[in-house]
Amino acid sequence: MAEKKTLGCQRISMVKIENEDARYTAFSKRRSTLYKKASELVGKYDVDVGITLFSPTDKPYSFFHPTLDAVVDKFFSPNTQPSESNHIAIENSRNKGRELKAELDELDIIERGLSNPTSGTEETDMKKMWESIMEFNEEEVNEIELWLKSVDFDLKNSLSQVENNASSSTQAPPKNVDLNFMRCNN
């Protein structure tokens, strides 16, 4: 049997971290892990989740899905239905989250395909694509780089907006918002 290269997942004792920098770093890592786990719960089980944290510097952090009001209302009145406006905001938030998750999954599939160009039945197509990419001139490479940076920025911005809306907004998005922000023209 092969020898392990890392220590793997280990239980960490719950004692105060004395080193201030280490404490801030650990909090930041644990916070993002907690948010990821909460997000997974929402995705897998379609549940409402609310988390409020205060950092070691007393800065507040929160994660609420679908909205803060929906989670608080459900906590204090579990047997009542949300108001019509709250219900619309909740559905809009959930739909937007599903759309962005689907787009992220699509990008993951594309990334896996590009990182492993020789797998599957599309091997020759991928080789042709890479050969054509290798023939790009400097201007074309710069255009693609700008486009990729733009896509990256738009995706991060949209995900940030969804996180902010999921954590604090109870209003529906404006009717003139273009939800097709990442459509490419071929």
N, C-alpha and C. Protein backbone atom coordinates (compact mmCIF):
# COMPACT_ATOMS: atom_id res chain seq x y z
N MET A 1 0.84 -1.18 0.00
CA MET A 1 0.00 0.00 0.00
C MET A 1 0.89 1.24 0.00
N ALA A 2 0.52 2.24 -0.79
CA ALA A 2 1.32 3.46 -0.90
C ALA A 2 1.25 4.29 0.38
N GLU A 3 2.36 4.91 0.69
CA GLU A 3 2.44 5.74 1.88
C GLU A 3 1.78 7.09 1.61
N LYS A 4 1.03 7.62 2.59
CA LYS A 4 0.35 8.91 2.43
C LYS A 4 1.38 10.03 2.35
N LYS A 5 1.09 11.01 1.47
CA LYS A 5 1.99 12.15 1.31
C LYS A 5 1.61 13.31 2.22
N THR A 6 0.33 13.35 2.66
CA THR A 6 -0.13 14.45 3.53
C THR A 6 -0.72 13.87 4.80
N LEU A 7 -0.99 14.75 5.74
CA LEU A 7 -1.60 14.32 6.99
C LEU A 7 -3.10 14.12 6.84
N GLY A 8 -3.69 14.69 5.80
CA GLY A 8 -5.11 14.51 5.55
C GLY A 8 -5.96 15.33 6.49
N CYS A 9 -7.22 14.93 6.57
CA CYS A 9 -8.17 15.64 7.42
C CYS A 9 -7.97 15.21 8.87
N GLN A 10 -7.72 16.17 9.73
CA GLN A 10 -7.50 15.86 11.13
C GLN A 10 -8.42 16.70 11.99
N ARG A 11 -8.78 16.19 13.13
CA ARG A 11 -9.62 16.93 14.06
C ARG A 11 -8.77 17.99 14.74
N ILE A 12 -9.31 19.20 14.79
CA ILE A 12 -8.62 20.31 15.42
C ILE A 12 -9.32 20.60 16.74
N SER A 13 -8.54 20.67 17.81
CA SER A 13 -9.15 20.92 19.12
C SER A 13 -9.71 22.33 19.17
N MET A 14 -10.81 22.49 19.89
CA MET A 14 -11.50 23.77 19.97
C MET A 14 -10.96 24.58 21.15
N VAL A 15 -9.78 25.14 20.94
CA VAL A 15 -9.19 26.02 21.94
C VAL A 15 -8.87 27.34 21.24
N LYS A 16 -8.82 28.41 22.02
CA LYS A 16 -8.56 29.71 21.45
C LYS A 16 -7.15 29.74 20.86
N ILE A 17 -7.06 30.27 19.65
CA ILE A 17 -5.77 30.42 18.99
C ILE A 17 -5.14 31.70 19.51
N GLU A 18 -4.00 31.58 20.15
CA GLU A 18 -3.38 32.73 20.82
C GLU A 18 -2.73 33.70 19.83
N ASN A 19 -2.10 33.18 18.78
CA ASN A 19 -1.45 34.04 17.79
C ASN A 19 -2.52 34.78 17.01
N GLU A 20 -2.48 36.11 17.05
CA GLU A 20 -3.53 36.94 16.44
C GLU A 20 -3.64 36.73 14.93
N ASP A 21 -2.51 36.71 14.23
CA ASP A 21 -2.55 36.51 12.78
C ASP A 21 -3.10 35.14 12.43
N ALA A 22 -2.69 34.14 13.17
CA ALA A 22 -3.17 32.78 12.93
C ALA A 22 -4.67 32.69 13.20
N ARG A 23 -5.14 33.42 14.22
CA ARG A 23 -6.56 33.42 14.56
C ARG A 23 -7.38 34.05 13.43
N TYR A 24 -6.90 35.19 12.88
CA TYR A 24 -7.61 35.85 11.77
C TYR A 24 -7.64 34.95 10.54
N THR A 25 -6.52 34.31 10.24
CA THR A 25 -6.45 33.43 9.08
C THR A 25 -7.38 32.24 9.25
N ALA A 26 -7.34 31.62 10.43
CA ALA A 26 -8.19 30.46 10.69
C ALA A 26 -9.67 30.85 10.60
N PHE A 27 -10.02 32.01 11.14
CA PHE A 27 -11.41 32.46 11.07
C PHE A 27 -11.85 32.61 9.62
N SER A 28 -11.01 33.24 8.82
CA SER A 28 -11.35 33.47 7.42
C SER A 28 -11.56 32.15 6.68
N LYS A 29 -10.66 31.19 6.91
CA LYS A 29 -10.78 29.88 6.25
C LYS A 29 -12.03 29.14 6.74
N ARG A 30 -12.25 29.14 8.03
CA ARG A 30 -13.41 28.45 8.59
C ARG A 30 -14.71 29.10 8.13
N ARG A 31 -14.72 30.43 8.02
CA ARG A 31 -15.92 31.14 7.57
C ARG A 31 -16.28 30.72 6.15
N SER A 32 -15.28 30.71 5.27
CA SER A 32 -15.58 30.34 3.88
C SER A 32 -16.01 28.87 3.80
N THR A 33 -15.43 28.01 4.61
CA THR A 33 -15.83 26.60 4.63
C THR A 33 -17.27 26.47 5.13
N LEU A 34 -17.61 27.23 6.15
CA LEU A 34 -18.97 27.19 6.69
C LEU A 34 -19.97 27.67 5.65
N TYR A 35 -19.64 28.73 4.92
CA TYR A 35 -20.51 29.22 3.85
C TYR A 35 -20.67 28.18 2.75
N LYS A 36 -19.58 27.50 2.40
CA LYS A 36 -19.67 26.47 1.36
C LYS A 36 -20.58 25.34 1.82
N LYS A 37 -20.46 24.93 3.07
CA LYS A 37 -21.30 23.85 3.58
C LYS A 37 -22.76 24.29 3.61
N ALA A 38 -23.02 25.53 4.01
CA ALA A 38 -24.39 26.04 4.03
C ALA A 38 -24.94 26.08 2.61
N SER A 39 -24.11 26.49 1.67
CA SER A 39 -24.53 26.54 0.28
C SER A 39 -24.84 25.14 -0.25
N GLU A 40 -24.05 24.16 0.14
CA GLU A 40 -24.31 22.78 -0.25
C GLU A 40 -25.63 22.29 0.32
N LEU A 41 -25.92 22.64 1.57
CA LEU A 41 -27.20 22.26 2.18
C LEU A 41 -28.36 22.83 1.38
N VAL A 42 -28.23 24.08 0.98
CA VAL A 42 -29.28 24.74 0.19
C VAL A 42 -29.44 24.03 -1.14
N GLY A 43 -28.32 23.74 -1.80
CA GLY A 43 -28.37 23.11 -3.11
C GLY A 43 -28.92 21.70 -3.09
N LYS A 44 -28.52 20.90 -2.11
CA LYS A 44 -28.92 19.50 -2.06
C LYS A 44 -30.33 19.31 -1.51
N TYR A 45 -30.70 20.10 -0.50
CA TYR A 45 -31.94 19.83 0.21
C TYR A 45 -32.97 20.94 0.10
N ASP A 46 -32.64 22.03 -0.62
CA ASP A 46 -33.56 23.15 -0.82
C ASP A 46 -34.12 23.65 0.51
N VAL A 47 -33.21 23.92 1.45
CA VAL A 47 -33.60 24.40 2.77
C VAL A 47 -33.27 25.89 2.90
N ASP A 48 -33.87 26.52 3.89
CA ASP A 48 -33.56 27.90 4.20
C ASP A 48 -32.47 27.89 5.27
N VAL A 49 -31.44 28.74 5.09
CA VAL A 49 -30.30 28.75 6.00
C VAL A 49 -29.98 30.18 6.41
N GLY A 50 -29.61 30.36 7.67
CA GLY A 50 -29.17 31.67 8.15
C GLY A 50 -27.97 31.51 9.07
N ILE A 51 -26.90 32.25 8.78
CA ILE A 51 -25.69 32.20 9.60
C ILE A 51 -25.25 33.64 9.86
N THR A 52 -24.95 33.96 11.10
CA THR A 52 -24.39 35.26 11.45
C THR A 52 -23.14 35.01 12.27
N LEU A 53 -22.03 35.64 11.87
CA LEU A 53 -20.75 35.48 12.55
C LEU A 53 -20.15 36.85 12.84
N PHE A 54 -19.36 36.93 13.87
CA PHE A 54 -18.59 38.13 14.14
C PHE A 54 -17.12 37.73 14.18
N SER A 55 -16.31 38.43 13.41
CA SER A 55 -14.89 38.10 13.31
C SER A 55 -14.18 38.45 14.62
N PRO A 56 -12.93 38.04 14.76
CA PRO A 56 -12.16 38.43 15.95
C PRO A 56 -12.02 39.95 16.09
N THR A 57 -12.23 40.68 14.99
CA THR A 57 -12.17 42.15 15.05
C THR A 57 -13.57 42.75 15.15
N ASP A 58 -14.56 41.91 15.47
CA ASP A 58 -15.96 42.30 15.64
C ASP A 58 -16.64 42.78 14.36
N LYS A 59 -16.11 42.37 13.22
CA LYS A 59 -16.78 42.68 11.95
C LYS A 59 -17.85 41.61 11.70
N PRO A 60 -19.09 42.04 11.40
CA PRO A 60 -20.15 41.05 11.20
C PRO A 60 -20.11 40.43 9.81
N TYR A 61 -20.41 39.14 9.74
CA TYR A 61 -20.53 38.41 8.49
C TYR A 61 -21.82 37.62 8.56
N SER A 62 -22.50 37.49 7.41
CA SER A 62 -23.74 36.72 7.43
C SER A 62 -23.96 36.01 6.11
N PHE A 63 -24.72 34.93 6.18
CA PHE A 63 -25.14 34.18 5.01
C PHE A 63 -26.58 33.79 5.26
N PHE A 64 -27.48 34.23 4.40
CA PHE A 64 -28.88 33.88 4.51
C PHE A 64 -29.37 33.45 3.14
N HIS A 65 -30.11 32.35 3.12
CA HIS A 65 -30.72 31.92 1.87
C HIS A 65 -32.12 31.43 2.18
N PRO A 66 -33.12 31.90 1.50
CA PRO A 66 -33.10 32.76 0.33
C PRO A 66 -32.91 34.24 0.68
N THR A 67 -33.50 34.72 1.76
CA THR A 67 -33.28 36.10 2.18
C THR A 67 -33.26 36.15 3.70
N LEU A 68 -32.71 37.24 4.24
CA LEU A 68 -32.68 37.43 5.68
C LEU A 68 -34.09 37.42 6.25
N ASP A 69 -34.99 38.20 5.66
CA ASP A 69 -36.36 38.28 6.17
C ASP A 69 -37.06 36.92 6.14
N ALA A 70 -36.86 36.18 5.07
CA ALA A 70 -37.51 34.87 4.95
C ALA A 70 -37.04 33.93 6.06
N VAL A 71 -35.74 33.91 6.32
CA VAL A 71 -35.20 33.01 7.34
C VAL A 71 -35.67 33.44 8.73
N VAL A 72 -35.60 34.73 9.03
CA VAL A 72 -36.02 35.23 10.35
C VAL A 72 -37.52 34.99 10.56
N ASP A 73 -38.34 35.31 9.53
CA ASP A 73 -39.78 35.08 9.64
C ASP A 73 -40.08 33.61 9.89
N LYS A 74 -39.39 32.74 9.17
CA LYS A 74 -39.62 31.31 9.33
C LYS A 74 -39.18 30.83 10.71
N PHE A 75 -38.11 31.43 11.24
CA PHE A 75 -37.62 31.04 12.57
C PHE A 75 -38.63 31.41 13.65
N PHE A 76 -39.15 32.64 13.58
CA PHE A 76 -40.07 33.10 14.61
C PHE A 76 -41.51 32.61 14.40
N SER A 77 -41.87 32.33 13.16
CA SER A 77 -43.23 31.86 12.87
C SER A 77 -43.16 30.70 11.87
N PRO A 78 -42.77 29.53 12.34
CA PRO A 78 -42.53 28.42 11.41
C PRO A 78 -43.78 27.92 10.68
N ASN A 79 -44.95 28.17 11.21
CA ASN A 79 -46.17 27.64 10.60
C ASN A 79 -46.90 28.62 9.70
N THR A 80 -46.37 29.81 9.50
CA THR A 80 -47.05 30.80 8.66
C THR A 80 -46.40 30.86 7.28
N GLN A 81 -47.19 31.24 6.30
CA GLN A 81 -46.70 31.39 4.94
C GLN A 81 -46.14 32.80 4.75
N PRO A 82 -45.11 32.96 3.90
CA PRO A 82 -44.56 34.30 3.66
C PRO A 82 -45.57 35.17 2.92
N SER A 83 -45.44 36.49 3.09
CA SER A 83 -46.31 37.42 2.38
C SER A 83 -46.05 37.28 0.88
N GLU A 84 -46.96 37.83 0.06
CA GLU A 84 -46.83 37.73 -1.39
C GLU A 84 -45.53 38.36 -1.89
N SER A 85 -45.19 39.55 -1.37
CA SER A 85 -43.96 40.21 -1.81
C SER A 85 -42.73 39.42 -1.36
N ASN A 86 -42.75 38.88 -0.15
CA ASN A 86 -41.65 38.06 0.33
C ASN A 86 -41.55 36.78 -0.49
N HIS A 87 -42.69 36.20 -0.83
CA HIS A 87 -42.70 34.96 -1.62
C HIS A 87 -42.07 35.20 -2.99
N ILE A 88 -42.37 36.33 -3.61
CA ILE A 88 -41.80 36.67 -4.92
C ILE A 88 -40.29 36.86 -4.80
N ALA A 89 -39.86 37.58 -3.77
CA ALA A 89 -38.43 37.81 -3.56
C ALA A 89 -37.70 36.50 -3.31
N ILE A 90 -38.30 35.61 -2.56
CA ILE A 90 -37.69 34.32 -2.26
C ILE A 90 -37.53 33.52 -3.54
N GLU A 91 -38.58 33.45 -4.34
CA GLU A 91 -38.51 32.70 -5.59
C GLU A 91 -37.50 33.30 -6.56
N ASN A 92 -37.46 34.64 -6.65
CA ASN A 92 -36.47 35.30 -7.52
C ASN A 92 -35.05 34.96 -7.08
N SER A 93 -34.81 34.99 -5.77
CA SER A 93 -33.49 34.68 -5.24
C SER A 93 -33.11 33.24 -5.54
N ARG A 94 -34.04 32.33 -5.35
CA ARG A 94 -33.76 30.92 -5.62
C ARG A 94 -33.52 30.68 -7.11
N ASN A 95 -34.34 31.30 -7.95
CA ASN A 95 -34.18 31.12 -9.40
C ASN A 95 -32.84 31.67 -9.87
N LYS A 96 -32.47 32.85 -9.38
CA LYS A 96 -31.19 33.45 -9.77
C LYS A 96 -30.03 32.55 -9.32
N GLY A 97 -30.12 32.01 -8.12
CA GLY A 97 -29.09 31.10 -7.62
C GLY A 97 -28.98 29.85 -8.48
N ARG A 98 -30.14 29.29 -8.88
CA ARG A 98 -30.13 28.10 -9.74
C ARG A 98 -29.50 28.41 -11.10
N GLU A 99 -29.86 29.58 -11.67
CA GLU A 99 -29.31 29.96 -12.97
C GLU A 99 -27.79 30.10 -12.91
N LEU A 100 -27.31 30.78 -11.88
CA LEU A 100 -25.87 30.97 -11.75
C LEU A 100 -25.16 29.65 -11.48
N LYS A 101 -25.79 28.78 -10.72
CA LYS A 101 -25.20 27.46 -10.46
C LYS A 101 -25.11 26.67 -11.76
N ALA A 102 -26.15 26.75 -12.59
CA ALA A 102 -26.13 26.03 -13.88
C ALA A 102 -25.03 26.59 -14.77
N GLU A 103 -24.86 27.91 -14.80
CA GLU A 103 -23.80 28.51 -15.61
C GLU A 103 -22.43 28.12 -15.09
N LEU A 104 -22.28 28.08 -13.77
CA LEU A 104 -21.01 27.68 -13.18
C LEU A 104 -20.71 26.22 -13.52
N ASP A 105 -21.72 25.36 -13.45
CA ASP A 105 -21.53 23.96 -13.82
C ASP A 105 -21.12 23.84 -15.29
N GLU A 106 -21.74 24.65 -16.15
CA GLU A 106 -21.39 24.65 -17.57
C GLU A 106 -19.93 25.04 -17.76
N LEU A 107 -19.50 26.08 -17.06
CA LEU A 107 -18.11 26.53 -17.16
C LEU A 107 -17.15 25.47 -16.64
N ASP A 108 -17.55 24.76 -15.58
CA ASP A 108 -16.72 23.67 -15.06
C ASP A 108 -16.55 22.57 -16.11
N ILE A 109 -17.63 22.25 -16.80
CA ILE A 109 -17.56 21.23 -17.85
C ILE A 109 -16.62 21.67 -18.96
N ILE A 110 -16.74 22.92 -19.37
CA ILE A 110 -15.87 23.46 -20.41
C ILE A 110 -14.42 23.44 -19.95
N GLU A 111 -14.19 23.84 -18.71
CA GLU A 111 -12.82 23.86 -18.18
C GLU A 111 -12.23 22.45 -18.13
N ARG A 112 -13.02 21.47 -17.72
CA ARG A 112 -12.53 20.09 -17.70
C ARG A 112 -12.21 19.62 -19.10
N GLY A 113 -13.06 19.99 -20.06
CA GLY A 113 -12.82 19.60 -21.44
C GLY A 113 -11.54 20.21 -21.99
N LEU A 114 -11.28 21.48 -21.63
CA LEU A 114 -10.07 22.14 -22.11
C LEU A 114 -8.82 21.63 -21.41
N SER A 115 -8.96 21.25 -20.14
CA SER A 115 -7.78 20.78 -19.41
C SER A 115 -7.42 19.34 -19.77
N ASN A 116 -8.35 18.61 -20.36
CA ASN A 116 -8.08 17.23 -20.74
C ASN A 116 -8.51 17.02 -22.19
N PRO A 117 -7.77 17.61 -23.14
CA PRO A 117 -8.23 17.61 -24.53
C PRO A 117 -8.18 16.25 -25.22
N THR A 118 -7.52 15.24 -24.68
CA THR A 118 -7.41 13.96 -25.38
C THR A 118 -8.44 12.94 -24.92
N SER A 119 -9.32 13.29 -23.97
CA SER A 119 -10.29 12.31 -23.49
C SER A 119 -11.55 12.34 -24.33
N GLY A 120 -12.26 11.24 -24.35
CA GLY A 120 -13.56 11.17 -25.02
C GLY A 120 -13.45 11.00 -26.51
N THR A 121 -14.58 11.12 -27.19
CA THR A 121 -14.63 10.92 -28.63
C THR A 121 -14.31 12.18 -29.40
N GLU A 122 -14.19 13.30 -28.74
CA GLU A 122 -13.95 14.57 -29.41
C GLU A 122 -12.46 14.91 -29.49
N GLU A 123 -11.63 13.89 -29.42
CA GLU A 123 -10.18 14.10 -29.39
C GLU A 123 -9.68 14.89 -30.60
N THR A 124 -10.13 14.53 -31.78
CA THR A 124 -9.64 15.23 -32.98
C THR A 124 -10.15 16.66 -33.03
N ASP A 125 -11.39 16.89 -32.59
CA ASP A 125 -11.92 18.26 -32.56
C ASP A 125 -11.10 19.13 -31.62
N MET A 126 -10.75 18.57 -30.47
CA MET A 126 -9.96 19.34 -29.50
C MET A 126 -8.58 19.63 -30.06
N LYS A 127 -7.99 18.66 -30.72
CA LYS A 127 -6.66 18.89 -31.32
C LYS A 127 -6.73 20.01 -32.34
N LYS A 128 -7.78 19.99 -33.17
CA LYS A 128 -7.95 21.04 -34.18
C LYS A 128 -8.13 22.41 -33.50
N MET A 129 -8.92 22.43 -32.42
CA MET A 129 -9.14 23.68 -31.71
C MET A 129 -7.81 24.22 -31.17
N TRP A 130 -7.03 23.36 -30.53
CA TRP A 130 -5.76 23.80 -29.98
C TRP A 130 -4.79 24.23 -31.09
N GLU A 131 -4.80 23.53 -32.21
CA GLU A 131 -3.94 23.92 -33.33
C GLU A 131 -4.32 25.31 -33.84
N SER A 132 -5.63 25.59 -33.93
CA SER A 132 -6.05 26.92 -34.39
C SER A 132 -5.69 28.00 -33.36
N ILE A 133 -5.78 27.64 -32.08
CA ILE A 133 -5.40 28.61 -31.05
C ILE A 133 -3.92 28.93 -31.14
N MET A 134 -3.10 27.94 -31.44
CA MET A 134 -1.66 28.15 -31.53
C MET A 134 -1.29 29.07 -32.70
N GLU A 135 -2.18 29.23 -33.66
CA GLU A 135 -1.92 30.08 -34.81
C GLU A 135 -2.38 31.53 -34.60
N PHE A 136 -2.93 31.85 -33.45
CA PHE A 136 -3.38 33.22 -33.18
C PHE A 136 -2.20 34.18 -33.19
N ASN A 137 -2.46 35.39 -33.68
CA ASN A 137 -1.44 36.42 -33.59
C ASN A 137 -1.57 37.14 -32.25
N GLU A 138 -0.67 38.06 -31.97
CA GLU A 138 -0.64 38.73 -30.66
C GLU A 138 -1.94 39.49 -30.39
N GLU A 139 -2.46 40.16 -31.41
CA GLU A 139 -3.69 40.94 -31.23
C GLU A 139 -4.87 40.04 -30.86
N GLU A 140 -4.99 38.88 -31.52
CA GLU A 140 -6.07 37.94 -31.22
C GLU A 140 -5.93 37.38 -29.80
N VAL A 141 -4.71 37.10 -29.40
CA VAL A 141 -4.47 36.61 -28.04
C VAL A 141 -4.88 37.67 -27.03
N ASN A 142 -4.53 38.92 -27.29
CA ASN A 142 -4.90 40.01 -26.38
C ASN A 142 -6.41 40.17 -26.30
N GLU A 143 -7.11 40.03 -27.43
CA GLU A 143 -8.57 40.13 -27.43
C GLU A 143 -9.19 39.01 -26.59
N ILE A 144 -8.70 37.80 -26.76
CA ILE A 144 -9.22 36.67 -25.99
C ILE A 144 -8.94 36.86 -24.51
N GLU A 145 -7.75 37.34 -24.20
CA GLU A 145 -7.39 37.58 -22.80
C GLU A 145 -8.33 38.62 -22.18
N LEU A 146 -8.61 39.70 -22.89
CA LEU A 146 -9.54 40.72 -22.39
C LEU A 146 -10.94 40.13 -22.21
N TRP A 147 -11.36 39.33 -23.18
CA TRP A 147 -12.68 38.72 -23.08
C TRP A 147 -12.76 37.80 -21.86
N LEU A 148 -11.73 36.98 -21.64
CA LEU A 148 -11.72 36.08 -20.49
C LEU A 148 -11.72 36.86 -19.17
N LYS A 149 -10.97 37.95 -19.13
CA LYS A 149 -10.97 38.77 -17.91
C LYS A 149 -12.36 39.37 -17.69
N SER A 150 -13.01 39.78 -18.77
CA SER A 150 -14.36 40.34 -18.67
C SER A 150 -15.35 39.29 -18.17
N VAL A 151 -15.26 38.08 -18.70
CA VAL A 151 -16.13 36.99 -18.26
C VAL A 151 -15.88 36.69 -16.79
N ASP A 152 -14.62 36.63 -16.39
CA ASP A 152 -14.25 36.37 -15.00
C ASP A 152 -14.82 37.45 -14.08
N PHE A 153 -14.66 38.71 -14.49
CA PHE A 153 -15.17 39.83 -13.68
C PHE A 153 -16.69 39.76 -13.57
N ASP A 154 -17.37 39.53 -14.71
CA ASP A 154 -18.83 39.47 -14.70
C ASP A 154 -19.34 38.33 -13.82
N LEU A 155 -18.69 37.18 -13.91
CA LEU A 155 -19.10 36.04 -13.11
C LEU A 155 -18.91 36.32 -11.62
N LYS A 156 -17.75 36.84 -11.25
CA LYS A 156 -17.50 37.14 -9.83
C LYS A 156 -18.46 38.21 -9.34
N ASN A 157 -18.72 39.22 -10.16
CA ASN A 157 -19.64 40.29 -9.78
C ASN A 157 -21.05 39.74 -9.58
N SER A 158 -21.51 38.90 -10.51
CA SER A 158 -22.85 38.33 -10.40
C SER A 158 -22.97 37.42 -9.19
N LEU A 159 -21.96 36.60 -8.95
CA LEU A 159 -21.99 35.73 -7.78
C LEU A 159 -22.00 36.55 -6.49
N SER A 160 -21.24 37.62 -6.47
CA SER A 160 -21.22 38.51 -5.31
C SER A 160 -22.59 39.12 -5.09
N GLN A 161 -23.23 39.55 -6.18
CA GLN A 161 -24.57 40.14 -6.06
C GLN A 161 -25.57 39.11 -5.56
N VAL A 162 -25.46 37.87 -6.04
CA VAL A 162 -26.37 36.83 -5.57
C VAL A 162 -26.15 36.57 -4.09
N GLU A 163 -24.88 36.51 -3.68
CA GLU A 163 -24.60 36.30 -2.25
C GLU A 163 -25.15 37.44 -1.42
N ASN A 164 -24.96 38.68 -1.89
CA ASN A 164 -25.49 39.83 -1.16
C ASN A 164 -27.00 39.82 -1.14
N ASN A 165 -27.65 39.50 -2.26
CA ASN A 165 -29.10 39.43 -2.30
C ASN A 165 -29.61 38.31 -1.43
N ALA A 166 -28.92 37.18 -1.45
CA ALA A 166 -29.35 36.05 -0.64
C ALA A 166 -29.17 36.34 0.84
N SER A 167 -28.25 37.23 1.17
CA SER A 167 -28.00 37.48 2.59
C SER A 167 -28.76 38.68 3.13
N SER A 168 -29.20 39.61 2.25
CA SER A 168 -29.79 40.80 2.85
C SER A 168 -30.95 41.40 2.10
N SER A 169 -31.26 40.97 0.92
CA SER A 169 -32.29 41.65 0.13
C SER A 169 -33.60 40.88 0.15
N THR A 170 -34.69 41.63 0.18
CA THR A 170 -36.00 41.00 0.08
C THR A 170 -36.74 41.53 -1.13
N GLN A 171 -36.09 42.29 -1.97
CA GLN A 171 -36.74 42.86 -3.13
C GLN A 171 -36.40 42.04 -4.36
N ALA A 172 -37.36 42.03 -5.29
CA ALA A 172 -37.13 41.36 -6.57
C ALA A 172 -36.19 42.21 -7.40
N PRO A 173 -35.41 41.59 -8.30
CA PRO A 173 -34.54 42.38 -9.16
C PRO A 173 -35.37 43.25 -10.08
N PRO A 174 -34.82 44.39 -10.51
CA PRO A 174 -35.56 45.25 -11.41
C PRO A 174 -35.94 44.50 -12.69
N LYS A 175 -37.04 44.90 -13.30
CA LYS A 175 -37.53 44.19 -14.48
C LYS A 175 -36.61 44.34 -15.67
N ASN A 176 -35.78 45.38 -15.71
CA ASN A 176 -34.93 45.62 -16.86
C ASN A 176 -33.56 44.96 -16.73
N VAL A 177 -33.34 44.13 -15.71
CA VAL A 177 -32.05 43.47 -15.52
C VAL A 177 -31.89 42.38 -16.57
N ASP A 178 -30.73 42.35 -17.23
CA ASP A 178 -30.44 41.33 -18.23
C ASP A 178 -29.79 40.15 -17.55
N LEU A 179 -30.52 39.04 -17.43
CA LEU A 179 -29.99 37.86 -16.77
C LEU A 179 -29.11 37.03 -17.68
N ASN A 180 -28.98 37.40 -18.93
CA ASN A 180 -28.15 36.68 -19.90
C ASN A 180 -26.82 37.38 -20.08
N PHE A 181 -26.16 37.72 -18.98
CA PHE A 181 -24.95 38.53 -19.04
C PHE A 181 -23.76 37.80 -19.64
N MET A 182 -23.81 36.48 -19.75
CA MET A 182 -22.63 35.75 -20.24
C MET A 182 -22.89 35.05 -21.56
N ARG A 183 -23.88 35.46 -22.30
CA ARG A 183 -24.14 34.83 -23.59
C ARG A 183 -23.07 35.26 -24.59
N CYS A 184 -22.52 34.31 -25.30
CA CYS A 184 -21.45 34.58 -26.27
C CYS A 184 -22.04 34.57 -27.67
N ASN A 185 -21.54 35.44 -28.51
CA ASN A 185 -21.93 35.43 -29.92
C ASN A 185 -20.88 34.67 -30.70
N ASN A 186 -21.29 33.60 -31.35
CA ASN A 186 -20.33 32.78 -32.11
C ASN A 186 -20.33 33.19 -33.55
